[in-house]
């Protein structure tokens, strides 16, 4: 594989990881907000 392909693959993985991290934070915040609303 060429360098360009490897960089693209790494970028795709990084992008996916960033989206997953953001989703995890959003999910956690949503759970916290839901719990607060019940109180």
C-alpha atoms as a PDB file:
ATOM      1  CA  UNK A   1       0.000   0.000   0.000  1.00  0.00           C
ATOM      2  CA  UNK A   2       1.208   3.468  -0.780  1.00  0.00           C
ATOM      3  CA  UNK A   3       1.751   6.189   1.776  1.00  0.00           C
ATOM      4  CA  UNK A   4      -1.326   8.082   0.593  1.00  0.00           C
ATOM      5  CA  UNK A   5      -3.564   5.055   1.150  1.00  0.00           C
ATOM      6  CA  UNK A   6      -2.098   4.463   4.606  1.00  0.00           C
ATOM      7  CA  UNK A   7      -2.677   8.103   5.552  1.00  0.00           C
ATOM      8  CA  UNK A   8      -6.258   7.930   4.292  1.00  0.00           C
ATOM      9  CA  UNK A   9      -6.869   4.766   6.297  1.00  0.00           C
ATOM     10  CA  UNK A  10      -5.407   6.363   9.410  1.00  0.00           C
ATOM     11  CA  UNK A  11      -7.505   9.476   8.891  1.00  0.00           C
ATOM     12  CA  UNK A  12     -10.661   7.401   8.512  1.00  0.00           C
ATOM     13  CA  UNK A  13      -9.892   5.535  11.733  1.00  0.00           C
ATOM     14  CA  UNK A  14      -9.156   8.801  13.557  1.00  0.00           C
ATOM     15  CA  UNK A  15     -12.371  10.349  12.278  1.00  0.00           C
ATOM     16  CA  UNK A  16     -14.372   7.322  13.380  1.00  0.00           C
ATOM     17  CA  UNK A  17     -12.727   7.384  16.800  1.00  0.00           C
ATOM     18  CA  UNK A  18     -13.510  11.090  17.212  1.00  0.00           C
ATOM     19  CA  UNK A  19     -17.161  10.502  16.297  1.00  0.00           C
ATOM     20  CA  UNK A  20     -17.354   7.534  18.683  1.00  0.00           C
ATOM     21  CA  UNK A  21     -15.797   9.559  21.499  1.00  0.00           C
ATOM     22  CA  UNK A  22     -18.226  12.415  20.923  1.00  0.00           C
ATOM     23  CA  UNK A  23     -21.148  10.013  20.853  1.00  0.00           C
ATOM     24  CA  UNK A  24     -20.037   8.415  24.113  1.00  0.00           C
ATOM     25  CA  UNK A  25     -19.806  11.821  25.795  1.00  0.00           C
ATOM     26  CA  UNK A  26     -23.206  12.822  24.426  1.00  0.00           C
ATOM     27  CA  UNK A  27     -24.741   9.557  25.619  1.00  0.00           C
ATOM     28  CA  UNK A  28     -23.271  10.006  29.094  1.00  0.00           C
ATOM     29  CA  UNK A  29     -24.509  13.582  29.263  1.00  0.00           C
ATOM     30  CA  UNK A  30     -27.956  12.484  28.120  1.00  0.00           C
ATOM     31  CA  UNK A  31     -28.095   9.863  30.875  1.00  0.00           C
ATOM     32  CA  UNK A  32     -27.057  12.460  33.456  1.00  0.00           C
ATOM     33  CA  UNK A  33     -29.669  14.912  32.177  1.00  0.00           C
ATOM     34  CA  UNK A  34     -32.361  12.227  32.265  1.00  0.00           C
ATOM     35  CA  UNK A  35     -31.477  11.367  35.845  1.00  0.00           C
ATOM     36  CA  UNK A  36     -31.565  15.038  36.858  1.00  0.00           C
ATOM     37  CA  UNK A  37     -35.020  15.465  35.358  1.00  0.00           C
ATOM     38  CA  UNK A  38     -36.314  12.579  37.467  1.00  0.00           C
ATOM     39  CA  UNK A  39     -35.132  14.203  40.712  1.00  0.00           C
END
